[in-house]
PDB file of N, CA and C in Angstrom:
ATOM      1  N   MET A   1     -30.772  12.671  10.353  1.00  0.00           N
ATOM      2  CA  MET A   1     -29.628  12.155  10.959  1.00  0.00           C
ATOM      3  C   MET A   1     -28.192  12.890  10.359  1.00  0.00           C
ATOM      4  N   SER A   2     -27.293  12.793  11.177  1.00  0.00           N
ATOM      5  CA  SER A   2     -25.881  13.578  11.343  1.00  0.00           C
ATOM      6  C   SER A   2     -25.208  13.601   9.678  1.00  0.00           C
ATOM      7  N   SER A   3     -24.396  14.459   9.949  1.00  0.00           N
ATOM      8  CA  SER A   3     -23.136  14.388   8.319  1.00  0.00           C
ATOM      9  C   SER A   3     -22.318  13.423   8.557  1.00  0.00           C
ATOM     10  N   PRO A   4     -21.984  12.528   7.487  1.00  0.00           N
ATOM     11  CA  PRO A   4     -20.958  11.820   8.127  1.00  0.00           C
ATOM     12  C   PRO A   4     -19.557  12.664   8.163  1.00  0.00           C
ATOM     13  N   VAL A   5     -18.998  11.667   9.332  1.00  0.00           N
ATOM     14  CA  VAL A   5     -17.192  12.373   9.609  1.00  0.00           C
ATOM     15  C   VAL A   5     -16.271  11.754   8.994  1.00  0.00           C
ATOM     16  N   ILE A   6     -16.799  10.838   8.422  1.00  0.00           N
ATOM     17  CA  ILE A   6     -15.914   9.988   6.902  1.00  0.00           C
ATOM     18  C   ILE A   6     -16.829   9.508   5.990  1.00  0.00           C
ATOM     19  N   LYS A   7     -16.233  10.088   4.776  1.00  0.00           N
ATOM     20  CA  LYS A   7     -17.180   9.776   3.900  1.00  0.00           C
ATOM     21  C   LYS A   7     -16.498   9.623   2.762  1.00  0.00           C
ATOM     22  N   ILE A   8     -16.569   8.042   2.113  1.00  0.00           N
ATOM     23  CA  ILE A   8     -15.556   7.290   1.193  1.00  0.00           C
ATOM     24  C   ILE A   8     -16.271   7.242   0.489  1.00  0.00           C
ATOM     25  N   GLU A   9     -16.037   7.776  -1.174  1.00  0.00           N
ATOM     26  CA  GLU A   9     -16.583   7.588  -2.836  1.00  0.00           C
ATOM     27  C   GLU A   9     -15.800   6.949  -3.822  1.00  0.00           C
ATOM     28  N   ASN A  10     -16.050   6.191  -3.958  1.00  0.00           N
ATOM     29  CA  ASN A  10     -15.509   5.390  -5.177  1.00  0.00           C
ATOM     30  C   ASN A  10     -14.046   5.467  -5.373  1.00  0.00           C
ATOM     31  N   LEU A  11     -13.982   4.780  -4.319  1.00  0.00           N
ATOM     32  CA  LEU A  11     -12.448   4.213  -3.526  1.00  0.00           C
ATOM     33  C   LEU A  11     -11.797   3.540  -4.339  1.00  0.00           C
ATOM     34  N   SER A  12     -10.692   3.460  -4.755  1.00  0.00           N
ATOM     35  CA  SER A  12      -9.699   2.792  -5.309  1.00  0.00           C
ATOM     36  C   SER A  12      -8.391   3.094  -5.623  1.00  0.00           C
ATOM     37  N   LYS A  13      -7.342   2.160  -5.039  1.00  0.00           N
ATOM     38  CA  LYS A  13      -6.470   1.954  -5.160  1.00  0.00           C
ATOM     39  C   LYS A  13      -5.437   0.822  -6.120  1.00  0.00           C
ATOM     40  N   VAL A  14      -4.464   1.096  -6.902  1.00  0.00           N
ATOM     41  CA  VAL A  14      -3.997   0.022  -7.815  1.00  0.00           C
ATOM     42  C   VAL A  14      -2.311   0.766  -7.780  1.00  0.00           C
ATOM     43  N   TYR A  15      -1.389  -0.552  -7.717  1.00  0.00           N
ATOM     44  CA  TYR A  15       0.060  -0.676  -7.575  1.00  0.00           C
ATOM     45  C   TYR A  15       0.220  -1.073  -8.974  1.00  0.00           C
ATOM     46  N   ARG A  16       1.496  -0.332  -9.265  1.00  0.00           N
ATOM     47  CA  ARG A  16       2.626  -1.264 -10.249  1.00  0.00           C
ATOM     48  C   ARG A  16       3.259  -2.176  -9.650  1.00  0.00           C
ATOM     49  N   LEU A  17       3.126  -3.489 -10.353  1.00  0.00           N
ATOM     50  CA  LEU A  17       4.106  -4.296  -9.544  1.00  0.00           C
ATOM     51  C   LEU A  17       5.635  -3.812 -10.149  1.00  0.00           C
ATOM     52  N   GLY A  18       6.426  -4.701  -9.631  1.00  0.00           N
ATOM     53  CA  GLY A  18       7.806  -4.033 -10.201  1.00  0.00           C
ATOM     54  C   GLY A  18       9.265  -4.075  -9.183  1.00  0.00           C
ATOM     55  N   GLU A  19      10.463  -3.586  -9.188  1.00  0.00           N
ATOM     56  CA  GLU A  19      11.297  -3.275  -8.828  1.00  0.00           C
ATOM     57  C   GLU A  19      11.133  -2.294  -7.666  1.00  0.00           C
ATOM     58  N   VAL A  20      11.235  -2.719  -6.005  1.00  0.00           N
ATOM     59  CA  VAL A  20      11.241  -1.295  -5.139  1.00  0.00           C
ATOM     60  C   VAL A  20      12.853  -0.989  -4.394  1.00  0.00           C
ATOM     61  N   GLY A  21      13.083  -0.005  -4.813  1.00  0.00           N
ATOM     62  CA  GLY A  21      14.230   0.237  -3.831  1.00  0.00           C
ATOM     63  C   GLY A  21      14.657   0.438  -2.777  1.00  0.00           C
ATOM     64  N   THR A  22      15.301   0.368  -1.900  1.00  0.00           N
ATOM     65  CA  THR A  22      15.357   0.252  -0.499  1.00  0.00           C
ATOM     66  C   THR A  22      15.426   1.344   0.576  1.00  0.00           C
ATOM     67  N   GLY A  23      15.232   2.457  -0.471  1.00  0.00           N
ATOM     68  CA  GLY A  23      15.014   4.004   0.396  1.00  0.00           C
ATOM     69  C   GLY A  23      16.213   4.645   0.227  1.00  0.00           C
ATOM     70  N   THR A  24      17.321   4.498  -0.170  1.00  0.00           N
ATOM     71  CA  THR A  24      18.476   5.253  -0.146  1.00  0.00           C
ATOM     72  C   THR A  24      19.383   4.741  -1.172  1.00  0.00           C
ATOM     73  N   LEU A  25      19.942   5.878  -1.672  1.00  0.00           N
ATOM     74  CA  LEU A  25      20.683   5.631  -2.842  1.00  0.00           C
ATOM     75  C   LEU A  25      21.928   4.831  -2.266  1.00  0.00           C
ATOM     76  N   SER A  26      22.647   4.832  -1.426  1.00  0.00           N
ATOM     77  CA  SER A  26      23.483   4.207  -0.862  1.00  0.00           C
ATOM     78  C   SER A  26      23.591   2.585  -1.045  1.00  0.00           C
ATOM     79  N   HIS A  27      22.306   2.351  -0.495  1.00  0.00           N
ATOM     80  CA  HIS A  27      21.849   0.739  -0.514  1.00  0.00           C
ATOM     81  C   HIS A  27      21.378   0.118  -1.129  1.00  0.00           C
ATOM     82  N   ASP A  28      21.083   0.887  -2.188  1.00  0.00           N
ATOM     83  CA  ASP A  28      20.462   0.838  -3.882  1.00  0.00           C
ATOM     84  C   ASP A  28      21.855   0.329  -4.432  1.00  0.00           C
ATOM     85  N   LEU A  29      22.702   1.200  -4.380  1.00  0.00           N
ATOM     86  CA  LEU A  29      24.009   0.623  -4.880  1.00  0.00           C
ATOM     87  C   LEU A  29      24.573  -0.262  -3.949  1.00  0.00           C
ATOM     88  N   ASN A  30      24.962  -0.557  -3.039  1.00  0.00           N
ATOM     89  CA  ASN A  30      25.207  -1.622  -2.158  1.00  0.00           C
ATOM     90  C   ASN A  30      24.663  -2.890  -3.220  1.00  0.00           C
ATOM     91  N   ARG A  31      23.227  -2.957  -2.971  1.00  0.00           N
ATOM     92  CA  ARG A  31      22.484  -3.943  -3.801  1.00  0.00           C
ATOM     93  C   ARG A  31      23.016  -4.351  -4.979  1.00  0.00           C
ATOM     94  N   PHE A  32      22.766  -3.022  -5.993  1.00  0.00           N
ATOM     95  CA  PHE A  32      23.229  -3.507  -7.313  1.00  0.00           C
ATOM     96  C   PHE A  32      24.237  -4.056  -7.186  1.00  0.00           C
ATOM     97  N   TRP A  33      25.587  -3.773  -6.573  1.00  0.00           N
ATOM     98  CA  TRP A  33      26.857  -4.237  -6.922  1.00  0.00           C
ATOM     99  C   TRP A  33      27.091  -5.682  -6.272  1.00  0.00           C
ATOM    100  N   ARG A  34      26.530  -5.955  -5.087  1.00  0.00           N
ATOM    101  CA  ARG A  34      26.278  -7.268  -4.473  1.00  0.00           C
ATOM    102  C   ARG A  34      25.831  -8.509  -5.588  1.00  0.00           C
ATOM    103  N   MET A  35      24.560  -8.153  -5.973  1.00  0.00           N
ATOM    104  CA  MET A  35      23.495  -8.760  -6.769  1.00  0.00           C
ATOM    105  C   MET A  35      24.206  -8.967  -8.493  1.00  0.00           C
ATOM    106  N   ASN A  36      24.678  -7.992  -8.730  1.00  0.00           N
ATOM    107  CA  ASN A  36      24.971  -8.196 -10.154  1.00  0.00           C
ATOM    108  C   ASN A  36      26.509  -8.466 -10.754  1.00  0.00           C
ATOM    109  N   ILE A  37      26.986  -7.587 -10.170  1.00  0.00           N
ATOM    110  CA  ILE A  37      28.587  -7.678  -9.726  1.00  0.00           C
ATOM    111  C   ILE A  37      29.056  -8.537  -9.392  1.00  0.00           C
ATOM    112  N   LEU A  38      28.926  -8.900  -7.668  1.00  0.00           N
ATOM    113  CA  LEU A  38      30.036  -9.794  -7.015  1.00  0.00           C
ATOM    114  C   LEU A  38      28.849 -11.191  -7.159  1.00  0.00           C
ATOM    115  N   GLY A  39      27.751 -11.515  -7.759  1.00  0.00           N
ATOM    116  CA  GLY A  39      26.234 -12.678  -7.864  1.00  0.00           C
ATOM    117  C   GLY A  39      26.151 -12.892  -6.289  1.00  0.00           C
ATOM    118  N   GLN A  40      26.497 -12.350  -5.402  1.00  0.00           N
ATOM    119  CA  GLN A  40      25.825 -12.661  -4.163  1.00  0.00           C
ATOM    120  C   GLN A  40      24.248 -12.488  -4.042  1.00  0.00           C
ATOM    121  N   ASP A  41      23.322 -13.156  -2.834  1.00  0.00           N
ATOM    122  CA  ASP A  41      22.363 -12.767  -2.797  1.00  0.00           C
ATOM    123  C   ASP A  41      22.251 -10.905  -1.625  1.00  0.00           C
ATOM    124  N   ASP A  42      20.734 -10.637  -2.284  1.00  0.00           N
ATOM    125  CA  ASP A  42      20.077  -9.776  -1.641  1.00  0.00           C
ATOM    126  C   ASP A  42      20.251  -9.170  -0.338  1.00  0.00           C
ATOM    127  N   PRO A  43      21.492  -8.211   0.074  1.00  0.00           N
ATOM    128  CA  PRO A  43      22.058  -8.011   1.468  1.00  0.00           C
ATOM    129  C   PRO A  43      20.853  -7.520   2.331  1.00  0.00           C
ATOM    130  N   TYR A  44      19.531  -6.868   1.548  1.00  0.00           N
ATOM    131  CA  TYR A  44      18.428  -6.410   2.267  1.00  0.00           C
ATOM    132  C   TYR A  44      17.349  -7.140   2.193  1.00  0.00           C
ATOM    133  N   ALA A  45      17.443  -8.658   1.752  1.00  0.00           N
ATOM    134  CA  ALA A  45      16.234  -9.406   2.237  1.00  0.00           C
ATOM    135  C   ALA A  45      15.990  -9.999   3.667  1.00  0.00           C
ATOM    136  N   LYS A  46      15.016 -10.189   3.667  1.00  0.00           N
ATOM    137  CA  LYS A  46      14.636 -10.846   4.968  1.00  0.00           C
ATOM    138  C   LYS A  46      14.936 -11.809   5.176  1.00  0.00           C
ATOM    139  N   VAL A  47      15.030 -12.382   6.409  1.00  0.00           N
ATOM    140  CA  VAL A  47      15.622 -13.203   6.795  1.00  0.00           C
ATOM    141  C   VAL A  47      14.722 -14.896   5.867  1.00  0.00           C
ATOM    142  N   GLY A  48      15.320 -15.472   5.343  1.00  0.00           N
ATOM    143  CA  GLY A  48      13.899 -16.686   4.889  1.00  0.00           C
ATOM    144  C   GLY A  48      13.360 -16.241   3.638  1.00  0.00           C
ATOM    145  N   GLN A  49      13.377 -15.057   3.219  1.00  0.00           N
ATOM    146  CA  GLN A  49      12.544 -14.544   1.849  1.00  0.00           C
ATOM    147  C   GLN A  49      13.262 -15.091   0.812  1.00  0.00           C
ATOM    148  N   VAL A  50      12.771 -15.385  -0.045  1.00  0.00           N
ATOM    149  CA  VAL A  50      13.376 -15.693  -1.842  1.00  0.00           C
ATOM    150  C   VAL A  50      12.869 -14.482  -2.432  1.00  0.00           C
ATOM    151  N   ASN A  51      14.119 -13.893  -2.750  1.00  0.00           N
ATOM    152  CA  ASN A  51      14.220 -12.767  -3.248  1.00  0.00           C
ATOM    153  C   ASN A  51      14.656 -12.795  -4.786  1.00  0.00           C
ATOM    154  N   ASP A  52      13.828 -13.293  -5.645  1.00  0.00           N
ATOM    155  CA  ASP A  52      14.327 -13.536  -6.914  1.00  0.00           C
ATOM    156  C   ASP A  52      14.139 -12.504  -8.101  1.00  0.00           C
ATOM    157  N   ARG A  53      15.555 -11.502  -8.003  1.00  0.00           N
ATOM    158  CA  ARG A  53      15.012 -10.050  -9.008  1.00  0.00           C
ATOM    159  C   ARG A  53      15.458 -10.353 -10.112  1.00  0.00           C
ATOM    160  N   THR A  54      15.525 -11.745 -11.104  1.00  0.00           N
ATOM    161  CA  THR A  54      15.845 -11.890 -12.257  1.00  0.00           C
ATOM    162  C   THR A  54      14.355 -12.338 -13.076  1.00  0.00           C
ATOM    163  N   GLN A  55      13.323 -12.076 -12.382  1.00  0.00           N
ATOM    164  CA  GLN A  55      11.983 -12.290 -13.101  1.00  0.00           C
ATOM    165  C   GLN A  55      11.565 -10.964 -12.426  1.00  0.00           C
ATOM    166  N   LYS A  56      11.391 -10.070 -13.631  1.00  0.00           N
ATOM    167  CA  LYS A  56      10.761  -8.751 -13.323  1.00  0.00           C
ATOM    168  C   LYS A  56       9.448  -8.772 -13.740  1.00  0.00           C
ATOM    169  N   ALA A  57       8.665  -8.204 -12.753  1.00  0.00           N
ATOM    170  CA  ALA A  57       6.629  -7.863 -13.276  1.00  0.00           C
ATOM    171  C   ALA A  57       6.857  -7.604 -14.926  1.00  0.00           C
ATOM    172  N   GLN A  58       5.905  -7.959 -15.655  1.00  0.00           N
ATOM    173  CA  GLN A  58       5.302  -7.920 -17.288  1.00  0.00           C
ATOM    174  C   GLN A  58       5.236  -6.080 -17.265  1.00  0.00           C
ATOM    175  N   LYS A  59       5.479  -5.237 -18.185  1.00  0.00           N
ATOM    176  CA  LYS A  59       5.816  -3.917 -18.185  1.00  0.00           C
ATOM    177  C   LYS A  59       3.843  -3.945 -18.523  1.00  0.00           C
ATOM    178  N   GLY A  60       3.745  -2.990 -16.995  1.00  0.00           N
ATOM    179  CA  GLY A  60       2.255  -2.495 -17.330  1.00  0.00           C
ATOM    180  C   GLY A  60       0.956  -3.736 -16.499  1.00  0.00           C
ATOM    181  N   GLU A  61       2.286  -4.157 -15.448  1.00  0.00           N
ATOM    182  CA  GLU A  61       1.223  -5.295 -14.896  1.00  0.00           C
ATOM    183  C   GLU A  61       0.931  -4.173 -13.307  1.00  0.00           C
ATOM    184  N   HIS A  62      -0.445  -4.546 -13.448  1.00  0.00           N
ATOM    185  CA  HIS A  62      -1.281  -3.679 -11.959  1.00  0.00           C
ATOM    186  C   HIS A  62      -1.691  -4.855 -11.446  1.00  0.00           C
ATOM    187  N   ILE A  63      -1.944  -4.627 -10.156  1.00  0.00           N
ATOM    188  CA  ILE A  63      -2.284  -4.864  -8.932  1.00  0.00           C
ATOM    189  C   ILE A  63      -3.744  -4.224  -8.132  1.00  0.00           C
ATOM    190  N   SER A  64      -4.731  -4.731  -8.319  1.00  0.00           N
ATOM    191  CA  SER A  64      -6.113  -3.746  -7.427  1.00  0.00           C
ATOM    192  C   SER A  64      -5.538  -4.377  -5.831  1.00  0.00           C
ATOM    193  N   ALA A  65      -5.498  -3.074  -5.371  1.00  0.00           N
ATOM    194  CA  ALA A  65      -5.717  -3.229  -3.674  1.00  0.00           C
ATOM    195  C   ALA A  65      -6.892  -3.324  -3.304  1.00  0.00           C
ATOM    196  N   LEU A  66      -7.385  -2.027  -3.270  1.00  0.00           N
ATOM    197  CA  LEU A  66      -8.963  -2.005  -3.542  1.00  0.00           C
ATOM    198  C   LEU A  66      -9.703  -1.194  -4.640  1.00  0.00           C
ATOM    199  N   ARG A  67     -10.934  -1.738  -4.843  1.00  0.00           N
ATOM    200  CA  ARG A  67     -11.706  -0.990  -5.979  1.00  0.00           C
ATOM    201  C   ARG A  67     -13.222  -0.771  -5.616  1.00  0.00           C
ATOM    202  N   ASP A  68     -13.098   0.214  -6.064  1.00  0.00           N
ATOM    203  CA  ASP A  68     -14.834   1.042  -6.005  1.00  0.00           C
ATOM    204  C   ASP A  68     -15.195   0.936  -4.368  1.00  0.00           C
ATOM    205  N   ILE A  69     -14.679   1.408  -3.261  1.00  0.00           N
ATOM    206  CA  ILE A  69     -14.827   1.566  -1.660  1.00  0.00           C
ATOM    207  C   ILE A  69     -16.279   2.488  -1.658  1.00  0.00           C
ATOM    208  N   ASN A  70     -17.540   2.449  -1.438  1.00  0.00           N
ATOM    209  CA  ASN A  70     -18.262   3.420  -1.036  1.00  0.00           C
ATOM    210  C   ASN A  70     -18.741   3.265   0.596  1.00  0.00           C
ATOM    211  N   LEU A  71     -18.427   4.294   1.667  1.00  0.00           N
ATOM    212  CA  LEU A  71     -18.647   4.081   2.736  1.00  0.00           C
ATOM    213  C   LEU A  71     -18.772   5.678   3.746  1.00  0.00           C
ATOM    214  N   GLU A  72     -19.998   5.113   4.841  1.00  0.00           N
ATOM    215  CA  GLU A  72     -20.002   6.503   5.167  1.00  0.00           C
ATOM    216  C   GLU A  72     -20.116   6.434   6.695  1.00  0.00           C
ATOM    217  N   VAL A  73     -19.523   7.026   8.082  1.00  0.00           N
ATOM    218  CA  VAL A  73     -19.026   6.679   9.253  1.00  0.00           C
ATOM    219  C   VAL A  73     -19.959   8.141   9.711  1.00  0.00           C
ATOM    220  N   HIS A  74     -21.012   7.789  10.932  1.00  0.00           N
ATOM    221  CA  HIS A  74     -21.172   8.973  11.451  1.00  0.00           C
ATOM    222  C   HIS A  74     -20.400   9.415  12.748  1.00  0.00           C
ATOM    223  N   GLN A  75     -21.126  10.440  13.249  1.00  0.00           N
ATOM    224  CA  GLN A  75     -20.379  10.489  14.696  1.00  0.00           C
ATOM    225  C   GLN A  75     -21.154   9.721  15.649  1.00  0.00           C
ATOM    226  N   GLY A  76     -20.147   9.284  16.242  1.00  0.00           N
ATOM    227  CA  GLY A  76     -20.470   8.118  17.479  1.00  0.00           C
ATOM    228  C   GLY A  76     -20.453   6.723  16.812  1.00  0.00           C
ATOM    229  N   GLU A  77     -20.518   6.698  15.459  1.00  0.00           N
ATOM    230  CA  GLU A  77     -20.089   5.435  15.360  1.00  0.00           C
ATOM    231  C   GLU A  77     -18.907   4.772  15.319  1.00  0.00           C
ATOM    232  N   VAL A  78     -18.503   3.403  15.627  1.00  0.00           N
ATOM    233  CA  VAL A  78     -17.167   2.738  15.709  1.00  0.00           C
ATOM    234  C   VAL A  78     -16.834   1.752  14.370  1.00  0.00           C
ATOM    235  N   LEU A  79     -16.023   2.237  13.599  1.00  0.00           N
ATOM    236  CA  LEU A  79     -15.705   1.310  12.491  1.00  0.00           C
ATOM    237  C   LEU A  79     -14.374   0.497  12.743  1.00  0.00           C
ATOM    238  N   GLY A  80     -14.837  -0.694  12.416  1.00  0.00           N
ATOM    239  CA  GLY A  80     -13.582  -2.346  12.532  1.00  0.00           C
ATOM    240  C   GLY A  80     -13.572  -2.686  11.167  1.00  0.00           C
ATOM    241  N   ILE A  81     -12.654  -2.995  10.743  1.00  0.00           N
ATOM    242  CA  ILE A  81     -12.086  -3.545   9.459  1.00  0.00           C
ATOM    243  C   ILE A  81     -11.189  -4.824   9.770  1.00  0.00           C
ATOM    244  N   ILE A  82     -12.246  -5.554   9.232  1.00  0.00           N
ATOM    245  CA  ILE A  82     -11.794  -7.201   8.690  1.00  0.00           C
ATOM    246  C   ILE A  82     -11.570  -7.736   7.925  1.00  0.00           C
ATOM    247  N   GLY A  83     -10.759  -9.083   7.697  1.00  0.00           N
ATOM    248  CA  GLY A  83     -10.771  -9.636   6.406  1.00  0.00           C
ATOM    249  C   GLY A  83      -9.896 -10.874   6.159  1.00  0.00           C
ATOM    250  N   LYS A  84     -10.051 -11.100   5.392  1.00  0.00           N
ATOM    251  CA  LYS A  84      -8.442 -12.037   4.860  1.00  0.00           C
ATOM    252  C   LYS A  84      -7.288 -11.633   4.904  1.00  0.00           C
ATOM    253  N   ASN A  85      -6.045 -12.268   4.594  1.00  0.00           N
ATOM    254  CA  ASN A  85      -4.737 -11.584   4.098  1.00  0.00           C
ATOM    255  C   ASN A  85      -5.166 -11.660   2.571  1.00  0.00           C
ATOM    256  N   GLY A  86      -4.519  -9.752   2.197  1.00  0.00           N
ATOM    257  CA  GLY A  86      -4.313  -9.501   0.706  1.00  0.00           C
ATOM    258  C   GLY A  86      -5.729  -8.749   1.102  1.00  0.00           C
ATOM    259  N   ALA A  87      -7.154  -8.244   1.657  1.00  0.00           N
ATOM    260  CA  ALA A  87      -8.502  -8.259   1.340  1.00  0.00           C
ATOM    261  C   ALA A  87      -8.058  -6.605   1.219  1.00  0.00           C
ATOM    262  N   GLY A  88      -6.979  -6.014   1.534  1.00  0.00           N
ATOM    263  CA  GLY A  88      -7.182  -4.734   1.987  1.00  0.00           C
ATOM    264  C   GLY A  88      -7.179  -3.971   2.746  1.00  0.00           C
ATOM    265  N   LYS A  89      -7.058  -4.157   4.125  1.00  0.00           N
ATOM    266  CA  LYS A  89      -7.215  -3.724   5.181  1.00  0.00           C
ATOM    267  C   LYS A  89      -6.022  -2.407   5.397  1.00  0.00           C
ATOM    268  N   SER A  90      -4.962  -3.300   5.606  1.00  0.00           N
ATOM    269  CA  SER A  90      -3.976  -1.858   5.784  1.00  0.00           C
ATOM    270  C   SER A  90      -3.657  -0.675   4.447  1.00  0.00           C
ATOM    271  N   THR A  91      -4.117  -1.504   3.186  1.00  0.00           N
ATOM    272  CA  THR A  91      -4.100  -0.381   2.397  1.00  0.00           C
ATOM    273  C   THR A  91      -5.310   0.715   2.814  1.00  0.00           C
ATOM    274  N   LEU A  92      -6.290  -0.148   2.908  1.00  0.00           N
ATOM    275  CA  LEU A  92      -7.587   1.183   3.540  1.00  0.00           C
ATOM    276  C   LEU A  92      -7.130   2.296   4.788  1.00  0.00           C
ATOM    277  N   LEU A  93      -5.863   1.935   5.669  1.00  0.00           N
ATOM    278  CA  LEU A  93      -5.691   2.619   6.825  1.00  0.00           C
ATOM    279  C   LEU A  93      -4.938   3.570   6.440  1.00  0.00           C
ATOM    280  N   LYS A  94      -4.008   3.441   5.297  1.00  0.00           N
ATOM    281  CA  LYS A  94      -3.073   3.984   4.855  1.00  0.00           C
ATOM    282  C   LYS A  94      -3.342   5.283   4.370  1.00  0.00           C
ATOM    283  N   LEU A  95      -4.801   5.023   3.607  1.00  0.00           N
ATOM    284  CA  LEU A  95      -5.409   5.643   2.390  1.00  0.00           C
ATOM    285  C   LEU A  95      -6.156   7.278   3.685  1.00  0.00           C
ATOM    286  N   LEU A  96      -6.570   6.194   4.654  1.00  0.00           N
ATOM    287  CA  LEU A  96      -7.359   7.283   5.603  1.00  0.00           C
ATOM    288  C   LEU A  96      -6.377   7.883   6.532  1.00  0.00           C
ATOM    289  N   SER A  97      -5.303   7.441   6.923  1.00  0.00           N
ATOM    290  CA  SER A  97      -4.129   8.114   7.098  1.00  0.00           C
ATOM    291  C   SER A  97      -3.399   9.152   6.446  1.00  0.00           C
ATOM    292  N   ARG A  98      -3.837   8.924   5.099  1.00  0.00           N
ATOM    293  CA  ARG A  98      -2.884  10.110   3.943  1.00  0.00           C
ATOM    294  C   ARG A  98      -1.649   9.603   4.272  1.00  0.00           C
ATOM    295  N   VAL A  99      -1.238   8.522   4.244  1.00  0.00           N
ATOM    296  CA  VAL A  99       0.262   7.544   4.190  1.00  0.00           C
ATOM    297  C   VAL A  99       0.412   7.970   2.625  1.00  0.00           C
ATOM    298  N   THR A 100      -0.617   7.194   2.153  1.00  0.00           N
ATOM    299  CA  THR A 100      -0.525   6.956   0.292  1.00  0.00           C
ATOM    300  C   THR A 100      -1.804   7.944  -0.282  1.00  0.00           C
ATOM    301  N   GLY A 101      -2.056   8.004  -0.911  1.00  0.00           N
ATOM    302  CA  GLY A 101      -3.278   8.448  -2.057  1.00  0.00           C
ATOM    303  C   GLY A 101      -3.468   7.613  -2.818  1.00  0.00           C
ATOM    304  N   PRO A 102      -5.327   7.460  -2.912  1.00  0.00           N
ATOM    305  CA  PRO A 102      -5.599   6.891  -3.823  1.00  0.00           C
ATOM    306  C   PRO A 102      -5.603   7.033  -5.017  1.00  0.00           C
ATOM    307  N   THR A 103      -5.853   6.218  -6.248  1.00  0.00           N
ATOM    308  CA  THR A 103      -5.762   5.973  -7.331  1.00  0.00           C
ATOM    309  C   THR A 103      -6.977   6.994  -8.241  1.00  0.00           C
ATOM    310  N   THR A 104      -8.257   6.433  -8.023  1.00  0.00           N
ATOM    311  CA  THR A 104      -9.337   6.903  -7.532  1.00  0.00           C
ATOM    312  C   THR A 104     -10.232   7.198  -6.627  1.00  0.00           C
ATOM    313  N   GLY A 105     -11.455   8.359  -6.930  1.00  0.00           N
ATOM    314  CA  GLY A 105     -12.172   8.574  -5.713  1.00  0.00           C
ATOM    315  C   GLY A 105     -11.687   9.635  -4.828  1.00  0.00           C
ATOM    316  N   SER A 106     -12.695   9.431  -4.136  1.00  0.00           N
ATOM    317  CA  SER A 106     -12.182  10.648  -2.897  1.00  0.00           C
ATOM    318  C   SER A 106     -12.411  10.016  -1.390  1.00  0.00           C
ATOM    319  N   ILE A 107     -11.546  11.137  -0.483  1.00  0.00           N
ATOM    320  CA  ILE A 107     -11.853  10.784   1.297  1.00  0.00           C
ATOM    321  C   ILE A 107     -11.941  11.653   1.740  1.00  0.00           C
ATOM    322  N   LYS A 108     -13.406  12.179   2.421  1.00  0.00           N
ATOM    323  CA  LYS A 108     -13.414  13.530   3.234  1.00  0.00           C
ATOM    324  C   LYS A 108     -14.030  13.004   4.847  1.00  0.00           C
ATOM    325  N   VAL A 109     -12.731  13.271   5.736  1.00  0.00           N
ATOM    326  CA  VAL A 109     -12.318  13.584   7.115  1.00  0.00           C
ATOM    327  C   VAL A 109     -12.776  14.571   7.769  1.00  0.00           C
ATOM    328  N   LYS A 110     -14.129  14.479   8.864  1.00  0.00           N
ATOM    329  CA  LYS A 110     -14.270  15.860   9.659  1.00  0.00           C
ATOM    330  C   LYS A 110     -13.521  15.729  11.025  1.00  0.00           C
ATOM    331  N   GLY A 111     -12.613  16.715  11.598  1.00  0.00           N
ATOM    332  CA  GLY A 111     -11.954  15.732  12.551  1.00  0.00           C
ATOM    333  C   GLY A 111     -10.648  15.109  12.838  1.00  0.00           C
ATOM    334  N   ARG A 112     -10.484  14.029  13.397  1.00  0.00           N
ATOM    335  CA  ARG A 112      -9.214  13.568  14.086  1.00  0.00           C
ATOM    336  C   ARG A 112      -9.408  12.084  13.693  1.00  0.00           C
ATOM    337  N   LEU A 113      -8.593  11.732  13.465  1.00  0.00           N
ATOM    338  CA  LEU A 113      -8.383   9.839  12.706  1.00  0.00           C
ATOM    339  C   LEU A 113      -7.160   9.408  13.520  1.00  0.00           C
ATOM    340  N   ALA A 114      -7.637   8.298  13.887  1.00  0.00           N
ATOM    341  CA  ALA A 114      -6.833   7.271  14.514  1.00  0.00           C
ATOM    342  C   ALA A 114      -6.736   6.077  14.117  1.00  0.00           C
ATOM    343  N   PRO A 115      -5.727   5.480  13.359  1.00  0.00           N
ATOM    344  CA  PRO A 115      -5.745   4.436  12.636  1.00  0.00           C
ATOM    345  C   PRO A 115      -4.736   3.573  13.269  1.00  0.00           C
ATOM    346  N   PHE A 116      -5.239   2.510  13.782  1.00  0.00           N
ATOM    347  CA  PHE A 116      -4.302   1.673  14.313  1.00  0.00           C
ATOM    348  C   PHE A 116      -5.035   0.192  14.612  1.00  0.00           C
TER     349      PHE A 116
END
């Protein structure tokens, strides 16, 4: 059998829960001003989204998106990732495409990879 083109060993991804910024300092300041000074709703919340920023995550609270994944894909094989909401499908694709890094474990990819 040929060597694997994708090899995942002991892969885990843990996220720390808490407040996340909007991506820019000006938007973060605008959000702070409107919510904390003016007492208005979050201007960057999605329509219909309940965004209760008064309740913060407990210090040290974490969530495991993936835990101890081991996988090998050989040349010519096709891989499909299916599962329920919250199963970690998008997280695995982000890790494979190097959008984010793993908390533990390793991913080795030979050649090109097109997650979609």
